[in-house]
C-alpha atoms as a PDB file:
ATOM      1  CA  MET A   1       0.000   0.000   0.000  1.00  0.00           C
ATOM      2  CA  ALA A   2       1.231   3.475  -0.856  1.00  0.00           C
ATOM      3  CA  PRO A   3       2.115   5.872   1.972  1.00  0.00           C
ATOM      4  CA  ARG A   4      -0.800   7.969   3.110  1.00  0.00           C
ATOM      5  CA  LEU A   5      -1.242  11.428   4.600  1.00  0.00           C
ATOM      6  CA  ARG A   6      -3.853  12.809   6.983  1.00  0.00           C
ATOM      7  CA  VAL A   7      -4.813  16.324   5.883  1.00  0.00           C
ATOM      8  CA  THR A   8      -6.712  18.461   8.398  1.00  0.00           C
ATOM      9  CA  GLN A   9      -8.177  21.899   7.730  1.00  0.00           C
ATOM     10  CA  VAL A  10      -7.037  24.234  10.519  1.00  0.00           C
ATOM     11  CA  ARG A  11      -7.972  27.656   9.129  1.00  0.00           C
ATOM     12  CA  SER A  12     -11.040  29.069   7.428  1.00  0.00           C
ATOM     13  CA  VAL A  13     -11.308  29.696   3.689  1.00  0.00           C
ATOM     14  CA  ILE A  14     -13.321  32.875   4.269  1.00  0.00           C
ATOM     15  CA  ASP A  15     -11.680  35.831   2.478  1.00  0.00           C
ATOM     16  CA  ARG A  16      -9.330  33.515   0.559  1.00  0.00           C
ATOM     17  CA  PRO A  17      -8.981  33.533  -3.233  1.00  0.00           C
ATOM     18  CA  LYS A  18     -11.355  31.251  -5.125  1.00  0.00           C
ATOM     19  CA  ASP A  19      -8.548  28.973  -6.309  1.00  0.00           C
ATOM     20  CA  GLN A  20      -7.578  28.253  -2.688  1.00  0.00           C
ATOM     21  CA  LYS A  21     -11.208  27.603  -1.741  1.00  0.00           C
ATOM     22  CA  ARG A  22     -11.560  25.183  -4.665  1.00  0.00           C
ATOM     23  CA  THR A  23      -8.326  23.422  -3.728  1.00  0.00           C
ATOM     24  CA  VAL A  24      -9.452  22.883  -0.126  1.00  0.00           C
ATOM     25  CA  ARG A  25     -12.792  21.517  -1.368  1.00  0.00           C
ATOM     26  CA  ALA A  26     -11.044  19.301  -3.928  1.00  0.00           C
ATOM     27  CA  LEU A  27      -9.038  17.771  -1.087  1.00  0.00           C
ATOM     28  CA  GLY A  28     -12.369  16.795   0.457  1.00  0.00           C
ATOM     29  CA  LEU A  29     -12.349  19.287   3.320  1.00  0.00           C
ATOM     30  CA  HIS A  30     -15.453  21.267   4.218  1.00  0.00           C
ATOM     31  CA  ARG A  31     -14.922  22.910   7.595  1.00  0.00           C
ATOM     32  CA  ILE A  32     -12.283  23.532  10.235  1.00  0.00           C
ATOM     33  CA  ASN A  33     -11.064  20.313  11.919  1.00  0.00           C
ATOM     34  CA  ASP A  34     -12.260  18.124   9.027  1.00  0.00           C
ATOM     35  CA  SER A  35      -9.680  15.468   8.200  1.00  0.00           C
ATOM     36  CA  VAL A  36      -9.213  13.281   5.155  1.00  0.00           C
ATOM     37  CA  VAL A  37      -6.701  10.573   4.371  1.00  0.00           C
ATOM     38  CA  LYS A  38      -5.066  10.805   0.945  1.00  0.00           C
ATOM     39  CA  GLU A  39      -2.408   8.802  -0.842  1.00  0.00           C
ATOM     40  CA  ASP A  40       0.976  10.520  -0.856  1.00  0.00           C
ATOM     41  CA  ARG A  41       1.131  11.398  -4.564  1.00  0.00           C
ATOM     42  CA  PRO A  42       2.645  14.385  -6.384  1.00  0.00           C
ATOM     43  CA  GLU A  43      -0.812  15.745  -7.311  1.00  0.00           C
ATOM     44  CA  ILE A  44      -1.930  15.737  -3.684  1.00  0.00           C
ATOM     45  CA  ARG A  45       1.377  17.243  -2.520  1.00  0.00           C
ATOM     46  CA  GLY A  46       0.913  20.069  -5.015  1.00  0.00           C
ATOM     47  CA  MET A  47      -2.597  20.778  -3.744  1.00  0.00           C
ATOM     48  CA  ILE A  48      -1.330  20.764  -0.171  1.00  0.00           C
ATOM     49  CA  ALA A  49       1.508  23.143  -1.074  1.00  0.00           C
ATOM     50  CA  LYS A  50      -1.008  25.594  -2.520  1.00  0.00           C
ATOM     51  CA  VAL A  51      -3.002  25.752   0.730  1.00  0.00           C
ATOM     52  CA  GLN A  52      -0.296  24.870   3.254  1.00  0.00           C
ATOM     53  CA  HIS A  53      -1.268  27.855   5.400  1.00  0.00           C
ATOM     54  CA  LEU A  54      -4.806  26.450   5.800  1.00  0.00           C
ATOM     55  CA  VAL A  55      -4.097  22.784   6.506  1.00  0.00           C
ATOM     56  CA  ARG A  56      -2.024  20.517   8.750  1.00  0.00           C
ATOM     57  CA  VAL A  57      -0.431  17.414   7.223  1.00  0.00           C
ATOM     58  CA  GLU A  58       0.801  14.357   9.082  1.00  0.00           C
ATOM     59  CA  PRO A  59       1.670  10.804   8.094  1.00  0.00           C
ATOM     60  CA  PHE A  60      -1.199   8.357   8.453  1.00  0.00           C
ATOM     61  CA  ASP A  61      -0.567   4.988  10.042  1.00  0.00           C
ATOM     62  CA  GLN A  62      -3.293   2.405   9.417  1.00  0.00           C
ATOM     63  CA  ALA A  63      -2.655   0.959  12.903  1.00  0.00           C
ATOM     64  CA  GLU A  64      -3.744   4.193  14.635  1.00  0.00           C
ATOM     65  CA  GLN A  65      -7.171   4.225  12.944  1.00  0.00           C
ATOM     66  CA  PRO A  66      -9.963   3.217  15.354  1.00  0.00           C
ATOM     67  CA  GLU A  67     -11.632  -0.066  14.543  1.00  0.00           C
ATOM     68  CA  GLY A  68     -14.762   0.321  12.439  1.00  0.00           C
ATOM     69  CA  ALA A  69     -13.823   3.831  11.268  1.00  0.00           C
ATOM     70  CA  GLN A  70     -13.819   4.646   7.572  1.00  0.00           C
ATOM     71  CA  GLY A  71     -10.960   6.475   6.017  1.00  0.00           C
END
């Protein structure tokens, strides 16, 4: 399995340019403290780089996921 990243929105997209708002939404984030797990691919890294001031990124370990949780 490819390495994965947990991406969490930590700042609001209010008063941000439309391209940054679209990038955050394209990552699957909708509100502050939303988290998604994405494969560590160049396309995702580029999206994260564009909105790095709005998100927190950390490695995702399958073992730390609670049992029965989707992700």
